Protein backbone atom coordinates (compact mmCIF):
# COMPACT_ATOMS: atom_id res chain seq x y z
CA MET A 1 0.00 0.00 0.00
CA SER A 2 1.54 3.32 -1.07
CA ASP A 3 1.33 6.38 1.16
CA THR A 4 2.50 9.94 1.57
CA ILE A 5 2.65 12.64 4.28
CA PHE A 6 0.07 15.42 3.95
CA GLU A 7 0.44 18.80 5.66
CA THR A 8 -3.04 19.81 6.82
CA LYS A 9 -4.41 22.62 8.97
CA ARG A 10 -4.87 20.04 11.75
CA GLY A 11 -1.34 18.65 11.53
CA LYS A 12 0.79 16.24 9.54
CA TYR A 13 -0.68 12.91 8.50
CA LEU A 14 0.81 9.89 6.80
CA LEU A 15 -2.08 8.58 4.68
CA PRO A 16 -2.56 5.69 2.26
CA VAL A 17 -2.97 6.80 -1.34
CA ASP A 18 -4.76 3.68 -2.63
CA HIS A 19 -7.25 3.36 0.22
CA GLY A 20 -10.44 2.74 -1.76
CA LYS A 21 -13.55 4.84 -1.10
CA SER A 22 -12.77 6.21 2.37
CA MET A 23 -14.54 9.46 3.22
CA ASN A 24 -12.63 9.49 6.52
CA ILE A 25 -9.20 9.59 4.88
CA ASP A 26 -10.31 12.07 2.21
CA LEU A 27 -11.53 14.49 4.91
CA VAL A 28 -8.31 14.12 6.91
CA LYS A 29 -6.30 14.83 3.77
CA ARG A 30 -8.28 18.05 3.23
CA GLY A 31 -7.89 19.15 6.85
CA PHE A 32 -11.47 18.53 7.96
CA LEU A 33 -12.44 16.71 11.16
CA TYR A 34 -14.18 13.42 10.44
CA GLU A 35 -17.38 12.86 12.47
CA LYS A 36 -17.29 16.33 13.98
CA GLY A 37 -20.68 15.82 15.65
CA VAL A 38 -19.35 12.80 17.53
CA PHE A 39 -16.17 14.65 18.44
CA ASP A 40 -18.05 17.69 19.77
CA TRP A 41 -20.21 15.51 22.04
CA VAL A 42 -17.24 13.50 23.31
CA VAL A 43 -15.14 16.55 24.20
CA SER A 44 -18.13 18.14 25.94
CA LYS A 45 -17.95 15.25 28.43
CA ILE A 46 -14.21 15.44 29.14
CA GLU A 47 -13.22 16.85 32.51
CA LYS A 48 -9.94 18.12 33.95
CA ASP A 49 -7.31 15.40 34.53
CA MET A 50 -9.74 12.67 33.39
CA ASN A 51 -8.95 9.82 30.99
CA VAL A 52 -10.60 8.88 27.70
CA ILE A 53 -10.85 5.55 25.84
CA ASP A 54 -11.01 5.59 22.04
CA VAL A 55 -11.71 2.31 20.21
CA GLY A 56 -11.50 2.27 16.41
CA LEU A 57 -9.00 4.85 15.15
CA CYS A 58 -8.69 4.60 11.37
CA VAL A 59 -5.59 6.76 10.71
CA GLY A 60 -5.70 8.41 14.14
CA GLN A 61 -7.10 11.90 13.55
CA PHE A 62 -9.91 11.54 16.11
CA CYS A 63 -7.65 10.32 18.93
CA ILE A 64 -4.99 12.93 18.10
CA GLU A 65 -7.56 15.72 18.33
CA LEU A 66 -8.83 14.16 21.57
CA SER A 67 -5.31 14.13 22.98
CA LYS A 68 -4.93 17.85 22.27
CA HIS A 69 -8.16 18.63 24.10
CA VAL A 70 -7.36 16.32 27.03
CA LYS A 71 -3.91 17.91 27.37
CA SER A 72 -5.42 21.40 27.40
CA LEU A 73 -7.42 20.36 30.48
CA GLY A 74 -4.60 18.81 32.49
CA ASN A 75 -2.91 15.45 32.86
CA GLY A 76 -5.40 13.05 31.31
CA VAL A 77 -4.49 10.22 28.96
CA VAL A 78 -6.15 8.86 25.80
CA TYR A 79 -6.14 5.04 25.71
CA ALA A 80 -6.40 4.28 22.00
CA PHE A 81 -7.11 0.91 20.37
CA GLU A 82 -6.88 -0.03 16.69
CA ALA A 83 -7.45 -3.63 15.56
CA ASN A 84 -6.34 -3.35 11.92
CA PRO A 85 -2.54 -3.90 11.77
CA ASP A 86 -2.25 -1.86 8.58
CA LEU A 87 -4.07 1.13 10.07
CA TYR A 88 -2.21 0.75 13.37
CA LYS A 89 1.05 1.58 11.58
CA TYR A 90 -0.46 4.81 10.28
CA VAL A 91 -1.78 5.75 13.73
CA GLN A 92 1.66 5.11 15.25
CA LYS A 93 3.35 7.38 12.72
CA ASN A 94 0.69 10.10 12.94
CA ILE A 95 0.94 10.25 16.73
CA GLU A 96 4.69 10.72 16.28
CA LEU A 97 4.27 13.37 13.55
CA ASN A 98 1.89 15.36 15.76
CA GLU A 99 4.00 14.94 18.91
CA CYS A 100 1.21 13.55 21.08
CA ASP A 101 2.74 12.32 24.33
CA ASN A 102 -0.50 11.55 26.18
CA ILE A 103 -1.78 8.70 23.99
CA LYS A 104 -1.30 5.05 25.00
CA LEU A 105 -1.73 3.03 21.81
CA PHE A 106 -2.69 -0.64 21.50
CA ASN A 107 -2.93 -2.93 18.45
CA ARG A 108 -5.71 -5.16 19.79
CA ILE A 109 -9.18 -6.34 18.82
CA VAL A 110 -11.22 -4.94 21.71
CA TRP A 111 -13.69 -7.68 22.55
CA ASN A 112 -15.72 -9.27 25.33
CA GLU A 113 -12.88 -11.65 26.18
CA SER A 114 -9.10 -11.22 26.37
CA ASN A 115 -6.29 -13.43 25.08
CA LEU A 116 -8.06 -14.86 22.05
CA TYR A 117 -6.52 -14.67 18.59
CA LEU A 118 -8.96 -13.66 15.85
CA HIS A 119 -8.53 -13.05 12.15
CA PHE A 120 -9.02 -9.46 11.02
CA GLN A 121 -10.06 -8.72 7.45
CA ASP A 122 -7.54 -7.48 4.90
CA GLU A 123 -8.05 -6.00 1.44
CA ASP A 124 -8.41 -9.50 -0.06
CA VAL A 125 -10.85 -10.81 2.56
CA ASN A 126 -13.69 -8.38 3.21
CA THR A 127 -17.46 -8.17 3.05
CA PHE A 128 -17.72 -5.36 0.52
CA PRO A 129 -17.67 -5.39 -3.30
CA LYS A 130 -14.44 -3.97 -4.72
CA ASP A 131 -16.18 -0.78 -5.85
CA GLN A 132 -17.33 -0.12 -2.25
CA PHE A 133 -14.18 -1.22 -0.43
CA SER A 134 -12.06 1.06 1.72
CA ILE A 135 -9.44 0.30 4.33
CA GLY A 136 -11.75 1.74 6.99
CA THR A 137 -14.57 -0.76 6.33
CA LEU A 138 -12.64 -3.82 7.51
CA SER A 139 -13.75 -5.84 10.52
CA ILE A 140 -13.32 -9.23 12.20
CA ASP A 141 -13.00 -12.04 9.64
CA LYS A 142 -15.33 -14.93 10.47
CA THR A 143 -13.98 -16.96 7.51
CA CYS A 144 -10.50 -17.09 9.09
CA LYS A 145 -8.87 -16.62 5.67
CA SER A 146 -7.26 -13.22 6.16
CA ARG A 147 -3.54 -12.72 6.75
CA HIS A 148 -4.02 -10.67 9.94
CA ILE A 149 -4.30 -12.48 13.28
CA VAL A 150 -4.77 -10.11 16.22
CA GLU A 151 -5.02 -10.67 19.98
CA THR A 152 -8.23 -9.67 21.75
CA TYR A 153 -8.50 -7.46 24.80
CA LYS A 154 -11.44 -6.57 27.00
CA LEU A 155 -11.55 -3.11 28.53
CA ASP A 156 -12.27 -4.56 31.97
CA ASP A 157 -8.60 -5.64 31.97
CA LEU A 158 -7.38 -2.06 31.51
CA VAL A 159 -5.76 -0.71 34.66
CA VAL A 160 -6.99 2.88 34.64
CA ASP A 161 -8.61 5.42 36.95
CA ASN A 162 -10.88 8.37 36.26
CA VAL A 163 -12.42 7.36 32.92
CA CYS A 164 -14.92 9.99 31.81
CA VAL A 165 -15.67 9.01 28.20
CA ILE A 166 -15.54 5.92 25.98
CA LYS A 167 -15.88 6.37 22.21
CA ILE A 168 -16.39 3.24 20.09
CA ASP A 169 -16.45 2.94 16.30
CA ALA A 170 -15.60 -0.67 15.57
CA GLN A 171 -17.48 -1.77 12.46
CA GLY A 172 -20.19 -3.74 14.22
CA ALA A 173 -18.22 -4.95 17.26
CA ASP A 174 -19.43 -2.09 19.50
CA LEU A 175 -21.82 -4.20 21.58
CA ASN A 176 -19.22 -6.89 22.30
CA ILE A 177 -16.78 -4.16 23.29
CA MET A 178 -19.24 -2.67 25.78
CA LYS A 179 -19.97 -6.11 27.21
CA GLY A 180 -16.24 -6.54 27.79
CA ALA A 181 -16.20 -3.18 29.60
CA TYR A 182 -19.12 -3.95 31.92
CA ASN A 183 -17.16 -3.67 35.18
CA LEU A 184 -15.30 -0.57 34.01
CA ILE A 185 -18.60 1.07 33.04
CA MET A 186 -20.24 0.23 36.35
CA LYS A 187 -17.26 1.58 38.27
CA HIS A 188 -16.59 4.84 36.41
CA ARG A 189 -20.01 5.58 34.82
CA PRO A 190 -18.44 7.25 31.76
CA ALA A 191 -20.34 8.87 28.92
CA ILE A 192 -20.29 6.47 25.95
CA ALA A 193 -20.48 7.09 22.20
CA PHE A 194 -21.11 4.05 20.02
CA GLU A 195 -22.44 3.22 16.58
CA ILE A 196 -25.01 0.68 15.44
CA GLU A 197 -23.77 -0.30 12.00
CA ASN A 198 -26.00 -1.49 9.18
CA CYS A 199 -25.51 -4.75 7.28
CA PRO A 200 -23.20 -6.51 6.74
CA TYR A 201 -21.86 -5.66 10.19
CA LEU A 202 -24.91 -6.58 12.28
CA ASP A 203 -25.18 -9.88 10.42
CA ASN A 204 -21.46 -10.50 10.91
CA PHE A 205 -21.86 -10.31 14.68
CA GLY A 206 -25.28 -11.93 14.86
CA CYS A 207 -26.99 -9.10 16.72
CA LYS A 208 -29.89 -6.69 16.28
CA PRO A 209 -30.31 -3.03 17.31
CA LYS A 210 -32.57 -4.20 20.16
CA ASP A 211 -29.60 -6.05 21.68
CA TYR A 212 -27.78 -2.72 22.03
CA PHE A 213 -30.69 -1.03 23.75
CA ASP A 214 -31.20 -4.00 26.07
CA PHE A 215 -27.58 -3.58 27.16
CA VAL A 216 -28.00 0.17 27.63
CA GLU A 217 -30.93 -0.53 29.93
CA LYS A 218 -29.01 -3.26 31.78
CA ILE A 219 -26.19 -0.87 32.73
CA GLY A 220 -28.62 1.82 33.83
CA TYR A 221 -27.97 4.27 31.00
CA LYS A 222 -30.16 6.29 28.66
CA VAL A 223 -29.74 7.72 25.17
CA GLU A 224 -28.93 11.41 25.49
CA LYS A 225 -28.55 12.07 21.78
CA GLU A 226 -28.48 10.40 18.37
CA ILE A 227 -26.87 11.85 15.25
CA GLY A 228 -26.07 10.72 11.74
CA LEU A 229 -26.59 7.13 10.70
CA GLY A 230 -26.68 5.25 13.96
CA ASN A 231 -24.37 7.22 16.26
CA PHE A 232 -25.74 7.01 19.81
CA PHE A 233 -24.56 8.93 22.87
CA ILE A 234 -25.50 7.46 26.23
CA VAL A 235 -25.11 8.61 29.82
CA PRO A 236 -26.14 7.22 33.22
CA SER A 237 -29.89 7.48 33.84
């Protein structure tokens, strides 16, 4: 995969050139903030010296902008997770290019169980037709044919205090991620942003939108806001 460094008004970014149809990467390249509505809600919930968890990074713009905001408020840390090994390399480089020293980065599939090894889709093994493919659409590979094998990690195993926000954008794995963060959620009661993806992601994980809302009720949360195509923001009831 070829790439180049772009100088944007939000910083320097190493970006893939042949990334397919990725609106995310195109916006980063042009200096725009991808999913600004999600970002604005997340930062509105961040408090002084508090920590943030960001799951699903693409090329890292969202977590880099989060790190700037967190740093402006004190000594908080952004715990950032990217499952796709190809994208992880871009995030690593972009954190370095933008000199973010308050991000702790992990190449893990965040899941409801730790220490498993799952296949993660690559450009040759994915659920989208070639004319709809982009590097940001990849998810867990149930066929086990992809070249990427990645260790799983549940957020309940993260040793962290003072978590105020969790943002999740994981191509259909959001519910499993929240289930693996049950104890963390019950302890810290963070605001949570997640996405309910359309097919093929819901089918891939064998769940329905109702399953998400059942979990929201189980943890004693409520939907504070919904924007875009399936972005939900929840807070304790």
